[in-house]
Amino acid sequence: MRKPKDFDAQLKLLNEKAKQLKERKVRQLGELIVATGADTLSPEILAGALLAIVDSQDPQKREGWRKHGESFFQKRDDQPLPQPQSDTQIAQNSPSSAQSGWNRAVQARSSAVGNE
């Protein structure tokens, strides 16, 4: 006789795997931002540039960006990735860190960690 499947356990494992994949994706996107040097931009500028890219419907622009990105990865294959900065270092290096939402988030996070 077959043993009944434990669907709850399987669902829990799938949810955990999905969470790990999402965390990995977020970490890789952060590493990409650092590797391209975009971590020196203010969060507002970076968000604005990314939104402009997402909104662009021009296939020629998209192909140009794709080619530029492809050449970036080909050049970077032989070079080690730079070490990521801490949140505090990024906030301090940001040109608009005094007004930045990023800076406020880092400060809130730092004070929350300090209170634990």
C-alpha atoms as a PDB file:
ATOM      1  CA  MET A   1       0.000   0.000   0.000  1.00  0.00           C
ATOM      2  CA  ARG A   2       1.282   3.483  -0.881  1.00  0.00           C
ATOM      3  CA  LYS A   3       2.193   5.913   1.790  1.00  0.00           C
ATOM      4  CA  PRO A   4       0.132   9.124   1.573  1.00  0.00           C
ATOM      5  CA  LYS A   5       2.037  12.218   0.486  1.00  0.00           C
ATOM      6  CA  ASP A   6       2.632  14.949   2.989  1.00  0.00           C
ATOM      7  CA  PHE A   7       1.511  17.924   0.926  1.00  0.00           C
ATOM      8  CA  ASP A   8       2.068  20.385   3.761  1.00  0.00           C
ATOM      9  CA  ALA A   9       5.717  19.380   4.079  1.00  0.00           C
ATOM     10  CA  GLN A  10       6.208  19.574   0.313  1.00  0.00           C
ATOM     11  CA  LEU A  11       4.554  22.999   0.213  1.00  0.00           C
ATOM     12  CA  LYS A  12       6.756  24.199   3.058  1.00  0.00           C
ATOM     13  CA  LEU A  13       9.877  23.004   1.209  1.00  0.00           C
ATOM     14  CA  LEU A  14       8.768  24.726  -2.007  1.00  0.00           C
ATOM     15  CA  ASN A  15       8.081  27.979  -0.160  1.00  0.00           C
ATOM     16  CA  GLU A  16      11.511  27.829   1.488  1.00  0.00           C
ATOM     17  CA  LYS A  17      13.160  27.187  -1.889  1.00  0.00           C
ATOM     18  CA  ALA A  18      11.266  30.125  -3.428  1.00  0.00           C
ATOM     19  CA  LYS A  19      12.405  32.357  -0.558  1.00  0.00           C
ATOM     20  CA  GLN A  20      16.034  31.283  -1.055  1.00  0.00           C
ATOM     21  CA  LEU A  21      15.825  31.959  -4.800  1.00  0.00           C
ATOM     22  CA  LYS A  22      14.365  35.420  -4.196  1.00  0.00           C
ATOM     23  CA  GLU A  23      17.101  36.247  -1.662  1.00  0.00           C
ATOM     24  CA  ARG A  24      19.738  35.043  -4.115  1.00  0.00           C
ATOM     25  CA  LYS A  25      18.281  37.211  -6.883  1.00  0.00           C
ATOM     26  CA  VAL A  26      18.256  40.289  -4.639  1.00  0.00           C
ATOM     27  CA  ARG A  27      21.870  39.625  -3.570  1.00  0.00           C
ATOM     28  CA  GLN A  28      22.973  39.194  -7.200  1.00  0.00           C
ATOM     29  CA  LEU A  29      21.247  42.428  -8.231  1.00  0.00           C
ATOM     30  CA  GLY A  30      23.079  44.223  -5.418  1.00  0.00           C
ATOM     31  CA  GLU A  31      26.366  42.745  -6.589  1.00  0.00           C
ATOM     32  CA  LEU A  32      25.591  43.902 -10.130  1.00  0.00           C
ATOM     33  CA  ILE A  33      24.956  47.438  -8.896  1.00  0.00           C
ATOM     34  CA  VAL A  34      28.315  47.436  -7.109  1.00  0.00           C
ATOM     35  CA  ALA A  35      30.162  45.866 -10.055  1.00  0.00           C
ATOM     36  CA  THR A  36      28.873  48.500 -12.480  1.00  0.00           C
ATOM     37  CA  GLY A  37      29.765  51.337 -10.134  1.00  0.00           C
ATOM     38  CA  ALA A  38      26.120  52.361  -9.840  1.00  0.00           C
ATOM     39  CA  ASP A  39      26.413  52.189  -6.052  1.00  0.00           C
ATOM     40  CA  THR A  40      27.985  55.649  -6.216  1.00  0.00           C
ATOM     41  CA  LEU A  41      24.712  57.093  -7.546  1.00  0.00           C
ATOM     42  CA  SER A  42      22.006  58.335  -5.246  1.00  0.00           C
ATOM     43  CA  PRO A  43      19.073  55.916  -4.905  1.00  0.00           C
ATOM     44  CA  GLU A  44      16.804  58.482  -6.554  1.00  0.00           C
ATOM     45  CA  ILE A  45      19.000  58.691  -9.660  1.00  0.00           C
ATOM     46  CA  LEU A  46      19.391  54.924  -9.858  1.00  0.00           C
ATOM     47  CA  ALA A  47      15.653  54.364  -9.465  1.00  0.00           C
ATOM     48  CA  GLY A  48      14.899  57.028 -12.080  1.00  0.00           C
ATOM     49  CA  ALA A  49      17.317  55.494 -14.580  1.00  0.00           C
ATOM     50  CA  LEU A  50      15.909  52.008 -14.035  1.00  0.00           C
ATOM     51  CA  LEU A  51      12.339  53.277 -14.419  1.00  0.00           C
ATOM     52  CA  ALA A  52      13.293  55.000 -17.688  1.00  0.00           C
ATOM     53  CA  ILE A  53      14.740  51.735 -18.961  1.00  0.00           C
ATOM     54  CA  VAL A  54      11.633  49.795 -17.970  1.00  0.00           C
ATOM     55  CA  ASP A  55       9.369  52.394 -19.609  1.00  0.00           C
ATOM     56  CA  SER A  56      11.381  52.497 -22.843  1.00  0.00           C
ATOM     57  CA  GLN A  57       9.651  50.826 -25.763  1.00  0.00           C
ATOM     58  CA  ASP A  58      12.357  51.650 -28.316  1.00  0.00           C
ATOM     59  CA  PRO A  59      13.826  48.327 -29.536  1.00  0.00           C
ATOM     60  CA  GLN A  60      16.998  50.031 -30.807  1.00  0.00           C
ATOM     61  CA  LYS A  61      17.735  51.523 -27.380  1.00  0.00           C
ATOM     62  CA  ARG A  62      17.071  48.190 -25.702  1.00  0.00           C
ATOM     63  CA  GLU A  63      19.383  46.390 -28.120  1.00  0.00           C
ATOM     64  CA  GLY A  64      22.085  49.001 -27.509  1.00  0.00           C
ATOM     65  CA  TRP A  65      21.756  48.517 -23.756  1.00  0.00           C
ATOM     66  CA  ARG A  66      21.863  44.743 -24.184  1.00  0.00           C
ATOM     67  CA  LYS A  67      25.052  44.917 -26.248  1.00  0.00           C
ATOM     68  CA  HIS A  68      26.641  47.305 -23.759  1.00  0.00           C
ATOM     69  CA  GLY A  69      25.748  44.951 -20.909  1.00  0.00           C
ATOM     70  CA  GLU A  70      27.041  41.945 -22.800  1.00  0.00           C
ATOM     71  CA  SER A  71      30.399  43.638 -23.383  1.00  0.00           C
ATOM     72  CA  PHE A  72      30.515  44.602 -19.693  1.00  0.00           C
ATOM     73  CA  PHE A  73      30.154  40.969 -18.651  1.00  0.00           C
ATOM     74  CA  GLN A  74      32.735  39.814 -21.194  1.00  0.00           C
ATOM     75  CA  LYS A  75      35.261  42.341 -19.872  1.00  0.00           C
ATOM     76  CA  ARG A  76      34.496  41.447 -16.240  1.00  0.00           C
ATOM     77  CA  ASP A  77      34.971  37.680 -16.677  1.00  0.00           C
ATOM     78  CA  ASP A  78      38.688  37.897 -15.927  1.00  0.00           C
ATOM     79  CA  GLN A  79      38.419  40.476 -13.148  1.00  0.00           C
ATOM     80  CA  PRO A  80      37.373  39.753  -9.555  1.00  0.00           C
ATOM     81  CA  LEU A  81      34.268  41.557  -8.321  1.00  0.00           C
ATOM     82  CA  PRO A  82      34.894  44.453  -5.937  1.00  0.00           C
ATOM     83  CA  GLN A  83      33.992  43.896  -2.298  1.00  0.00           C
ATOM     84  CA  PRO A  84      30.550  45.345  -1.525  1.00  0.00           C
ATOM     85  CA  GLN A  85      30.405  48.312   0.823  1.00  0.00           C
ATOM     86  CA  SER A  86      28.406  48.274   4.019  1.00  0.00           C
ATOM     87  CA  ASP A  87      25.090  50.130   4.080  1.00  0.00           C
ATOM     88  CA  THR A  88      26.643  52.844   6.237  1.00  0.00           C
ATOM     89  CA  GLN A  89      29.576  53.363   3.828  1.00  0.00           C
ATOM     90  CA  ILE A  90      27.195  53.607   0.876  1.00  0.00           C
ATOM     91  CA  ALA A  91      25.019  56.166   2.661  1.00  0.00           C
ATOM     92  CA  GLN A  92      28.056  58.240   3.647  1.00  0.00           C
ATOM     93  CA  ASN A  93      29.423  58.204   0.082  1.00  0.00           C
ATOM     94  CA  SER A  94      26.102  59.131  -1.514  1.00  0.00           C
ATOM     95  CA  PRO A  95      26.132  62.688  -2.891  1.00  0.00           C
ATOM     96  CA  SER A  96      22.608  63.339  -1.607  1.00  0.00           C
ATOM     97  CA  SER A  97      22.838  61.205   1.527  1.00  0.00           C
ATOM     98  CA  ALA A  98      21.550  64.006   3.743  1.00  0.00           C
ATOM     99  CA  GLN A  99      18.173  64.089   1.977  1.00  0.00           C
ATOM    100  CA  SER A 100      18.141  60.525   0.718  1.00  0.00           C
ATOM    101  CA  GLY A 101      15.471  58.015   1.657  1.00  0.00           C
ATOM    102  CA  TRP A 102      18.273  55.460   1.559  1.00  0.00           C
ATOM    103  CA  ASN A 103      20.105  57.304   4.319  1.00  0.00           C
ATOM    104  CA  ARG A 104      16.980  57.403   6.478  1.00  0.00           C
ATOM    105  CA  ALA A 105      16.487  53.660   5.977  1.00  0.00           C
ATOM    106  CA  VAL A 106      20.122  52.948   6.891  1.00  0.00           C
ATOM    107  CA  GLN A 107      19.853  55.114  10.016  1.00  0.00           C
ATOM    108  CA  ALA A 108      16.620  53.395  11.077  1.00  0.00           C
ATOM    109  CA  ARG A 109      18.168  50.005  10.475  1.00  0.00           C
ATOM    110  CA  SER A 110      21.308  50.918  12.402  1.00  0.00           C
ATOM    111  CA  SER A 111      19.343  52.190  15.393  1.00  0.00           C
ATOM    112  CA  ALA A 112      17.101  49.107  15.351  1.00  0.00           C
ATOM    113  CA  VAL A 113      20.167  46.851  15.347  1.00  0.00           C
ATOM    114  CA  GLY A 114      21.736  48.853  18.166  1.00  0.00           C
ATOM    115  CA  ASN A 115      18.604  48.472  20.316  1.00  0.00           C
ATOM    116  CA  GLU A 116      18.574  44.688  20.102  1.00  0.00           C
END
